[in-house]
């Protein structure tokens, strides 16, 4: 099970919120989720971002997929 999350600085407004986020993440990991986090800088290189996303899935599944026009320029 894979969970992709976008992290922005705005969401971490206090140390209390950061602690709750850590607890939430730890609970997801205990349930068997793999979490991949992305930030704005990841979108500067779409080829690298695409590769990173594709590696989250089994190679046999990823080989069958084709990019959607205009999504990965």
C-alpha atoms as a PDB file:
ATOM      1  CA  UNK A   1       0.000   0.000   0.000  1.00  0.00           C
ATOM      2  CA  UNK A   2       1.440   3.320  -1.083  1.00  0.00           C
ATOM      3  CA  UNK A   3       0.469   6.758   0.114  1.00  0.00           C
ATOM      4  CA  UNK A   4       1.788   9.852  -1.654  1.00  0.00           C
ATOM      5  CA  UNK A   5       1.681  13.076   0.328  1.00  0.00           C
ATOM      6  CA  UNK A   6       2.481  16.644  -0.537  1.00  0.00           C
ATOM      7  CA  UNK A   7       4.252  18.543   2.222  1.00  0.00           C
ATOM      8  CA  UNK A   8       4.294  22.294   2.438  1.00  0.00           C
ATOM      9  CA  UNK A   9       5.768  24.430   5.179  1.00  0.00           C
ATOM     10  CA  UNK A  10       2.419  26.018   5.947  1.00  0.00           C
ATOM     11  CA  UNK A  11       1.059  22.792   7.415  1.00  0.00           C
ATOM     12  CA  UNK A  12       3.739  22.715  10.152  1.00  0.00           C
ATOM     13  CA  UNK A  13       2.643  25.763  12.116  1.00  0.00           C
ATOM     14  CA  UNK A  14       3.578  24.536  15.577  1.00  0.00           C
ATOM     15  CA  UNK A  15       5.539  21.843  17.361  1.00  0.00           C
ATOM     16  CA  UNK A  16       2.190  20.392  18.529  1.00  0.00           C
ATOM     17  CA  UNK A  17       1.017  19.988  14.952  1.00  0.00           C
ATOM     18  CA  UNK A  18       4.365  18.439  13.986  1.00  0.00           C
ATOM     19  CA  UNK A  19       4.002  15.920  16.831  1.00  0.00           C
ATOM     20  CA  UNK A  20       0.442  14.992  15.706  1.00  0.00           C
ATOM     21  CA  UNK A  21       1.698  14.572  12.141  1.00  0.00           C
ATOM     22  CA  UNK A  22       4.457  12.243  13.356  1.00  0.00           C
ATOM     23  CA  UNK A  23       1.937  10.159  15.304  1.00  0.00           C
ATOM     24  CA  UNK A  24      -0.342   9.961  12.248  1.00  0.00           C
ATOM     25  CA  UNK A  25       2.574   8.893  10.050  1.00  0.00           C
ATOM     26  CA  UNK A  26       3.713   6.261  12.552  1.00  0.00           C
ATOM     27  CA  UNK A  27       0.169   4.822  12.679  1.00  0.00           C
ATOM     28  CA  UNK A  28       0.068   4.582   8.873  1.00  0.00           C
ATOM     29  CA  UNK A  29       3.407   2.758   8.835  1.00  0.00           C
ATOM     30  CA  UNK A  30       2.167   0.306  11.477  1.00  0.00           C
ATOM     31  CA  UNK A  31      -0.851  -0.403   9.264  1.00  0.00           C
ATOM     32  CA  UNK A  32       1.489  -1.323   6.412  1.00  0.00           C
ATOM     33  CA  UNK A  33       1.421   1.881   4.376  1.00  0.00           C
ATOM     34  CA  UNK A  34       4.537   3.104   2.605  1.00  0.00           C
ATOM     35  CA  UNK A  35       4.595   6.889   2.576  1.00  0.00           C
ATOM     36  CA  UNK A  36       6.325   8.902  -0.108  1.00  0.00           C
ATOM     37  CA  UNK A  37       6.436  12.631   0.537  1.00  0.00           C
ATOM     38  CA  UNK A  38       6.750  15.326  -2.093  1.00  0.00           C
ATOM     39  CA  UNK A  39       7.520  19.039  -1.844  1.00  0.00           C
ATOM     40  CA  UNK A  40       7.299  21.920  -4.312  1.00  0.00           C
ATOM     41  CA  UNK A  41      10.939  21.492  -5.369  1.00  0.00           C
ATOM     42  CA  UNK A  42      10.117  17.971  -6.599  1.00  0.00           C
ATOM     43  CA  UNK A  43       7.999  19.541  -9.345  1.00  0.00           C
ATOM     44  CA  UNK A  44      10.953  21.434 -10.842  1.00  0.00           C
ATOM     45  CA  UNK A  45      12.200  18.267 -12.552  1.00  0.00           C
ATOM     46  CA  UNK A  46       9.191  16.407 -13.932  1.00  0.00           C
ATOM     47  CA  UNK A  47      11.274  13.598 -15.418  1.00  0.00           C
ATOM     48  CA  UNK A  48      12.782  12.821 -12.011  1.00  0.00           C
ATOM     49  CA  UNK A  49       9.367  13.171 -10.371  1.00  0.00           C
ATOM     50  CA  UNK A  50       7.822  10.758 -12.853  1.00  0.00           C
ATOM     51  CA  UNK A  51      10.608   8.236 -12.207  1.00  0.00           C
ATOM     52  CA  UNK A  52      10.157   8.570  -8.460  1.00  0.00           C
ATOM     53  CA  UNK A  53       6.394   8.010  -8.717  1.00  0.00           C
ATOM     54  CA  UNK A  54       6.806   5.029 -11.044  1.00  0.00           C
ATOM     55  CA  UNK A  55       9.251   3.326  -8.653  1.00  0.00           C
ATOM     56  CA  UNK A  56       6.512   3.250  -6.027  1.00  0.00           C
ATOM     57  CA  UNK A  57       4.756   0.505  -7.982  1.00  0.00           C
ATOM     58  CA  UNK A  58       5.786  -3.013  -8.986  1.00  0.00           C
ATOM     59  CA  UNK A  59       7.882  -2.936 -12.185  1.00  0.00           C
ATOM     60  CA  UNK A  60       5.486  -5.246 -14.045  1.00  0.00           C
ATOM     61  CA  UNK A  61       2.590  -2.864 -13.434  1.00  0.00           C
ATOM     62  CA  UNK A  62       4.579   0.285 -14.203  1.00  0.00           C
ATOM     63  CA  UNK A  63       5.777  -1.121 -17.560  1.00  0.00           C
ATOM     64  CA  UNK A  64       2.180  -1.368 -18.785  1.00  0.00           C
ATOM     65  CA  UNK A  65       1.360   2.258 -18.049  1.00  0.00           C
ATOM     66  CA  UNK A  66       1.645   5.036 -20.594  1.00  0.00           C
ATOM     67  CA  UNK A  67       1.936   8.750 -19.848  1.00  0.00           C
ATOM     68  CA  UNK A  68      -1.130  10.913 -20.341  1.00  0.00           C
ATOM     69  CA  UNK A  69      -0.572  13.592 -22.966  1.00  0.00           C
ATOM     70  CA  UNK A  70       0.409  16.971 -21.468  1.00  0.00           C
ATOM     71  CA  UNK A  71       0.759  15.537 -17.958  1.00  0.00           C
ATOM     72  CA  UNK A  72       4.529  14.853 -18.064  1.00  0.00           C
ATOM     73  CA  UNK A  73       6.033  17.370 -20.478  1.00  0.00           C
END
